[in-house]
Amino acid sequence: MGTITAKHLKQRTGEVMKRVRSGERLTVTYRGRPVAVITPSSLEEDSKSEGLRDVKHVWRGIEAALRETEPQFQGWREATEWVRKRI
């Protein structure tokens, strides 16, 4: 595993990305201390995201659930008063 400074990462991002794409794993240091590790994306991680549903589809489900429920408060003022009484 290689080591690079945060300054080097900022100044030579393209070069660093080429190293990572080629399979190298890099530790980023800031003031001599390790703060992050940059690793190539694995095929296993990529396949996990394939199982996620489309945001639009999920949002439609949220909106449908909201339409089916009754609001607890008539407006934001009523909700604010309720919260203030609980504090």
C-alpha atoms as a PDB file:
ATOM      1  CA  MET A   1       0.000   0.000   0.000  1.00  0.00           C
ATOM      2  CA  GLY A   2       1.343   3.416  -0.970  1.00  0.00           C
ATOM      3  CA  THR A   3       1.180   6.639   0.995  1.00  0.00           C
ATOM      4  CA  ILE A   4       0.457  10.138  -0.288  1.00  0.00           C
ATOM      5  CA  THR A   5      -0.034  13.479   1.417  1.00  0.00           C
ATOM      6  CA  ALA A   6      -3.289  15.414   1.273  1.00  0.00           C
ATOM      7  CA  LYS A   7      -1.412  18.174  -0.567  1.00  0.00           C
ATOM      8  CA  HIS A   8      -0.183  15.691  -3.192  1.00  0.00           C
ATOM      9  CA  LEU A   9      -3.740  14.393  -3.613  1.00  0.00           C
ATOM     10  CA  LYS A  10      -5.029  17.933  -4.144  1.00  0.00           C
ATOM     11  CA  GLN A  11      -2.297  18.865  -6.621  1.00  0.00           C
ATOM     12  CA  ARG A  12      -2.184  15.587  -8.571  1.00  0.00           C
ATOM     13  CA  THR A  13      -5.668  14.095  -8.348  1.00  0.00           C
ATOM     14  CA  GLY A  14      -5.555  12.687 -11.877  1.00  0.00           C
ATOM     15  CA  GLU A  15      -2.270  10.898 -11.241  1.00  0.00           C
ATOM     16  CA  VAL A  16      -3.585   9.473  -7.966  1.00  0.00           C
ATOM     17  CA  MET A  17      -6.762   8.231  -9.654  1.00  0.00           C
ATOM     18  CA  LYS A  18      -4.698   6.439 -12.314  1.00  0.00           C
ATOM     19  CA  ARG A  19      -2.769   4.654  -9.569  1.00  0.00           C
ATOM     20  CA  VAL A  20      -5.975   3.627  -7.815  1.00  0.00           C
ATOM     21  CA  ARG A  21      -7.603   2.476 -11.072  1.00  0.00           C
ATOM     22  CA  SER A  22      -4.581   0.279 -11.689  1.00  0.00           C
ATOM     23  CA  GLY A  23      -5.337  -1.495  -8.394  1.00  0.00           C
ATOM     24  CA  GLU A  24      -3.098   0.368  -5.963  1.00  0.00           C
ATOM     25  CA  ARG A  25      -4.365   1.121  -2.487  1.00  0.00           C
ATOM     26  CA  LEU A  26      -3.243   4.485  -1.052  1.00  0.00           C
ATOM     27  CA  THR A  27      -3.183   5.925   2.456  1.00  0.00           C
ATOM     28  CA  VAL A  28      -3.689   9.694   2.580  1.00  0.00           C
ATOM     29  CA  THR A  29      -1.822  11.528   5.328  1.00  0.00           C
ATOM     30  CA  TYR A  30      -2.371  14.995   6.752  1.00  0.00           C
ATOM     31  CA  ARG A  31       0.447  16.463   8.831  1.00  0.00           C
ATOM     32  CA  GLY A  32       2.059  13.058   8.981  1.00  0.00           C
ATOM     33  CA  ARG A  33      -0.979  11.191  10.261  1.00  0.00           C
ATOM     34  CA  PRO A  34      -3.125   8.797   8.214  1.00  0.00           C
ATOM     35  CA  VAL A  35      -6.613  10.223   7.625  1.00  0.00           C
ATOM     36  CA  ALA A  36      -8.048   8.156   4.767  1.00  0.00           C
ATOM     37  CA  VAL A  37      -7.515   5.150   2.555  1.00  0.00           C
ATOM     38  CA  ILE A  38      -8.328   5.258  -1.143  1.00  0.00           C
ATOM     39  CA  THR A  39      -9.026   1.838  -2.612  1.00  0.00           C
ATOM     40  CA  PRO A  40     -10.194   0.652  -6.007  1.00  0.00           C
ATOM     41  CA  SER A  41     -13.892  -0.100  -6.208  1.00  0.00           C
ATOM     42  CA  SER A  42     -14.454  -3.835  -6.133  1.00  0.00           C
ATOM     43  CA  LEU A  43     -16.864  -5.674  -8.367  1.00  0.00           C
ATOM     44  CA  GLU A  44     -18.610  -6.951  -5.227  1.00  0.00           C
ATOM     45  CA  GLU A  45     -19.349  -3.384  -4.076  1.00  0.00           C
ATOM     46  CA  ASP A  46     -20.544  -2.438  -7.562  1.00  0.00           C
ATOM     47  CA  SER A  47     -22.957  -5.372  -7.655  1.00  0.00           C
ATOM     48  CA  LYS A  48     -24.458  -4.328  -4.299  1.00  0.00           C
ATOM     49  CA  SER A  49     -25.603  -1.028  -5.784  1.00  0.00           C
ATOM     50  CA  GLU A  50     -27.286  -2.875  -8.668  1.00  0.00           C
ATOM     51  CA  GLY A  51     -29.890  -4.213  -6.227  1.00  0.00           C
ATOM     52  CA  LEU A  52     -30.984  -0.730  -5.182  1.00  0.00           C
ATOM     53  CA  ARG A  53     -34.287   0.596  -6.446  1.00  0.00           C
ATOM     54  CA  ASP A  54     -34.584   3.714  -8.572  1.00  0.00           C
ATOM     55  CA  VAL A  55     -35.004   6.910  -6.542  1.00  0.00           C
ATOM     56  CA  LYS A  56     -38.129   7.935  -8.474  1.00  0.00           C
ATOM     57  CA  HIS A  57     -39.756   4.587  -7.707  1.00  0.00           C
ATOM     58  CA  VAL A  58     -38.919   4.843  -4.006  1.00  0.00           C
ATOM     59  CA  TRP A  59     -40.142   8.447  -3.829  1.00  0.00           C
ATOM     60  CA  ARG A  60     -43.488   7.468  -5.379  1.00  0.00           C
ATOM     61  CA  GLY A  61     -43.892   4.912  -2.592  1.00  0.00           C
ATOM     62  CA  ILE A  62     -43.144   7.531   0.054  1.00  0.00           C
ATOM     63  CA  GLU A  63     -45.652   9.958  -1.448  1.00  0.00           C
ATOM     64  CA  ALA A  64     -48.318   7.234  -1.595  1.00  0.00           C
ATOM     65  CA  ALA A  65     -47.753   6.381   2.077  1.00  0.00           C
ATOM     66  CA  LEU A  66     -48.024  10.050   3.025  1.00  0.00           C
ATOM     67  CA  ARG A  67     -51.320  10.400   1.135  1.00  0.00           C
ATOM     68  CA  GLU A  68     -52.753   7.447   3.058  1.00  0.00           C
ATOM     69  CA  THR A  69     -51.944   8.896   6.489  1.00  0.00           C
ATOM     70  CA  GLU A  70     -53.623  11.702   8.396  1.00  0.00           C
ATOM     71  CA  PRO A  71     -51.415  14.612   9.432  1.00  0.00           C
ATOM     72  CA  GLN A  72     -50.940  14.959  13.180  1.00  0.00           C
ATOM     73  CA  PHE A  73     -50.987  18.772  12.983  1.00  0.00           C
ATOM     74  CA  GLN A  74     -52.975  21.271  10.939  1.00  0.00           C
ATOM     75  CA  GLY A  75     -49.907  23.359  10.145  1.00  0.00           C
ATOM     76  CA  TRP A  76     -46.368  24.222  11.135  1.00  0.00           C
ATOM     77  CA  ARG A  77     -47.464  26.608  13.901  1.00  0.00           C
ATOM     78  CA  GLU A  78     -49.435  23.891  15.656  1.00  0.00           C
ATOM     79  CA  ALA A  79     -46.482  21.512  15.337  1.00  0.00           C
ATOM     80  CA  THR A  80     -44.115  24.164  16.714  1.00  0.00           C
ATOM     81  CA  GLU A  81     -46.357  24.794  19.724  1.00  0.00           C
ATOM     82  CA  TRP A  82     -46.550  21.071  20.425  1.00  0.00           C
ATOM     83  CA  VAL A  83     -42.755  20.754  20.336  1.00  0.00           C
ATOM     84  CA  ARG A  84     -42.253  23.778  22.601  1.00  0.00           C
ATOM     85  CA  LYS A  85     -44.599  22.328  25.226  1.00  0.00           C
ATOM     86  CA  ARG A  86     -42.538  19.145  25.308  1.00  0.00           C
ATOM     87  CA  ILE A  87     -39.221  20.905  25.907  1.00  0.00           C
END
